[in-house]
Amino acid sequence: MKKKPYTLSVCTGSIGVVNLATLNNNKTCEVKLIKPDILPSFILERLALLRVADNSAEPVIADVGRQIGSNLYTVYLNIDEYQQIRALPNA
């Protein structure tokens, strides 16, 4: 699988509440902590998809993201989504 240039790393609590969100530009190695309570709805929808598809044999959903651990996720972003999230305030 080709490495995605823009991702959002997310750590959730036991009930699915986002505790930590880190925006990643994998081209330039730029990282930014994002306030988890202001994430766009499309991120929350993708996290819900990743939680429902809880399949350890195939943790990747194409163009959505992947489950890294029980409460750790990587959400794939396109350039427009990346820029939208990058404009949000730091945590």
C-alpha atoms as a PDB file:
ATOM      1  CA  MET A   1       0.000   0.000   0.000  1.00  0.00           C
ATOM      2  CA  LYS A   2       1.278   3.436  -0.928  1.00  0.00           C
ATOM      3  CA  LYS A   3       2.016   5.725   2.017  1.00  0.00           C
ATOM      4  CA  LYS A   4      -0.606   8.459   2.419  1.00  0.00           C
ATOM      5  CA  PRO A   5       0.875  11.989   2.409  1.00  0.00           C
ATOM      6  CA  TYR A   6      -1.670  13.498   4.852  1.00  0.00           C
ATOM      7  CA  THR A   7      -3.068  11.756   7.910  1.00  0.00           C
ATOM      8  CA  LEU A   8      -4.696  12.428  11.240  1.00  0.00           C
ATOM      9  CA  SER A   9      -3.608  10.214  14.125  1.00  0.00           C
ATOM     10  CA  VAL A  10      -6.373   9.820  16.693  1.00  0.00           C
ATOM     11  CA  CYS A  11      -6.464   8.320  20.176  1.00  0.00           C
ATOM     12  CA  THR A  12      -9.912   7.662  21.611  1.00  0.00           C
ATOM     13  CA  GLY A  13     -11.150   6.788  25.067  1.00  0.00           C
ATOM     14  CA  SER A  14     -12.995   3.605  25.916  1.00  0.00           C
ATOM     15  CA  ILE A  15     -16.359   5.083  24.860  1.00  0.00           C
ATOM     16  CA  GLY A  16     -15.032   6.481  21.580  1.00  0.00           C
ATOM     17  CA  VAL A  17     -14.476  10.095  22.643  1.00  0.00           C
ATOM     18  CA  VAL A  18     -11.444  11.619  20.902  1.00  0.00           C
ATOM     19  CA  ASN A  19      -8.732  12.348  23.480  1.00  0.00           C
ATOM     20  CA  LEU A  20      -5.865  13.314  21.176  1.00  0.00           C
ATOM     21  CA  ALA A  21      -5.593  14.267  17.500  1.00  0.00           C
ATOM     22  CA  THR A  22      -2.338  14.848  15.649  1.00  0.00           C
ATOM     23  CA  LEU A  23      -2.267  16.179  12.086  1.00  0.00           C
ATOM     24  CA  ASN A  24       0.599  14.776  10.028  1.00  0.00           C
ATOM     25  CA  ASN A  25       2.165  15.937   6.781  1.00  0.00           C
ATOM     26  CA  ASN A  26       4.163  12.843   5.908  1.00  0.00           C
ATOM     27  CA  LYS A  27       5.951  14.618   3.045  1.00  0.00           C
ATOM     28  CA  THR A  28       7.545  17.290   5.229  1.00  0.00           C
ATOM     29  CA  CYS A  29       7.303  15.512   8.636  1.00  0.00           C
ATOM     30  CA  GLU A  30       5.245  18.449   9.952  1.00  0.00           C
ATOM     31  CA  VAL A  31       3.073  17.560  12.980  1.00  0.00           C
ATOM     32  CA  LYS A  32       0.388  19.653  14.683  1.00  0.00           C
ATOM     33  CA  LEU A  33      -1.722  18.822  17.739  1.00  0.00           C
ATOM     34  CA  ILE A  34      -5.378  19.649  17.111  1.00  0.00           C
ATOM     35  CA  LYS A  35      -8.083  20.356  19.697  1.00  0.00           C
ATOM     36  CA  PRO A  36     -10.093  17.125  19.618  1.00  0.00           C
ATOM     37  CA  ASP A  37     -13.427  18.775  20.450  1.00  0.00           C
ATOM     38  CA  ILE A  38     -13.450  20.861  17.226  1.00  0.00           C
ATOM     39  CA  LEU A  39     -12.713  18.143  14.665  1.00  0.00           C
ATOM     40  CA  PRO A  40     -14.911  18.245  11.537  1.00  0.00           C
ATOM     41  CA  SER A  41     -17.822  15.805  11.333  1.00  0.00           C
ATOM     42  CA  PHE A  42     -16.224  13.881   8.448  1.00  0.00           C
ATOM     43  CA  ILE A  43     -13.400  12.837  10.799  1.00  0.00           C
ATOM     44  CA  LEU A  44     -15.868  11.570  13.402  1.00  0.00           C
ATOM     45  CA  GLU A  45     -17.740   9.658  10.681  1.00  0.00           C
ATOM     46  CA  ARG A  46     -14.538   7.988   9.485  1.00  0.00           C
ATOM     47  CA  LEU A  47     -13.605   7.056  13.052  1.00  0.00           C
ATOM     48  CA  ALA A  48     -17.032   5.479  13.478  1.00  0.00           C
ATOM     49  CA  LEU A  49     -16.470   3.432  10.308  1.00  0.00           C
ATOM     50  CA  LEU A  50     -13.087   2.279  11.556  1.00  0.00           C
ATOM     51  CA  ARG A  51     -14.540   1.274  14.945  1.00  0.00           C
ATOM     52  CA  VAL A  52     -17.403  -0.677  13.349  1.00  0.00           C
ATOM     53  CA  ALA A  53     -15.027  -2.475  10.976  1.00  0.00           C
ATOM     54  CA  ASP A  54     -13.019  -3.750  13.957  1.00  0.00           C
ATOM     55  CA  ASN A  55     -11.272  -6.548  12.060  1.00  0.00           C
ATOM     56  CA  SER A  56      -7.744  -7.274  13.196  1.00  0.00           C
ATOM     57  CA  ALA A  57      -7.060  -9.369  10.082  1.00  0.00           C
ATOM     58  CA  GLU A  58      -7.638  -6.364   7.783  1.00  0.00           C
ATOM     59  CA  PRO A  59      -7.325  -3.117   9.780  1.00  0.00           C
ATOM     60  CA  VAL A  60      -7.316  -0.874   6.664  1.00  0.00           C
ATOM     61  CA  ILE A  61     -10.378   0.604   4.954  1.00  0.00           C
ATOM     62  CA  ALA A  62      -9.303   2.024   1.587  1.00  0.00           C
ATOM     63  CA  ASP A  63      -9.384   5.835   1.451  1.00  0.00           C
ATOM     64  CA  VAL A  64     -10.742   6.036   5.024  1.00  0.00           C
ATOM     65  CA  GLY A  65      -7.953   4.954   7.340  1.00  0.00           C
ATOM     66  CA  ARG A  66      -6.730   2.135   9.515  1.00  0.00           C
ATOM     67  CA  GLN A  67      -6.967   0.902  13.058  1.00  0.00           C
ATOM     68  CA  ILE A  68      -3.544   0.798  14.695  1.00  0.00           C
ATOM     69  CA  GLY A  69      -4.608  -0.481  18.117  1.00  0.00           C
ATOM     70  CA  SER A  70      -7.731  -0.858  20.224  1.00  0.00           C
ATOM     71  CA  ASN A  71      -8.118   2.943  20.572  1.00  0.00           C
ATOM     72  CA  LEU A  72      -5.595   4.227  18.014  1.00  0.00           C
ATOM     73  CA  TYR A  73      -6.533   5.177  14.471  1.00  0.00           C
ATOM     74  CA  THR A  74      -5.005   6.794  11.407  1.00  0.00           C
ATOM     75  CA  VAL A  75      -7.461   8.714   9.217  1.00  0.00           C
ATOM     76  CA  TYR A  76      -6.389   9.368   5.620  1.00  0.00           C
ATOM     77  CA  LEU A  77      -6.835  12.926   4.304  1.00  0.00           C
ATOM     78  CA  ASN A  78      -6.704  14.574   0.912  1.00  0.00           C
ATOM     79  CA  ILE A  79      -5.014  17.964   0.513  1.00  0.00           C
ATOM     80  CA  ASP A  80      -8.243  19.957   0.981  1.00  0.00           C
ATOM     81  CA  GLU A  81      -9.140  18.087   4.173  1.00  0.00           C
ATOM     82  CA  TYR A  82      -5.584  18.489   5.438  1.00  0.00           C
ATOM     83  CA  GLN A  83      -5.680  22.258   4.882  1.00  0.00           C
ATOM     84  CA  GLN A  84      -9.103  22.539   6.555  1.00  0.00           C
ATOM     85  CA  ILE A  85      -7.862  20.753   9.679  1.00  0.00           C
ATOM     86  CA  ARG A  86      -4.523  22.587   9.632  1.00  0.00           C
ATOM     87  CA  ALA A  87      -6.439  25.893   9.948  1.00  0.00           C
ATOM     88  CA  LEU A  88      -7.951  24.718  13.267  1.00  0.00           C
ATOM     89  CA  PRO A  89      -6.422  25.940  16.540  1.00  0.00           C
ATOM     90  CA  ASN A  90      -3.614  24.013  18.212  1.00  0.00           C
ATOM     91  CA  ALA A  91      -4.394  21.925  21.265  1.00  0.00           C
END
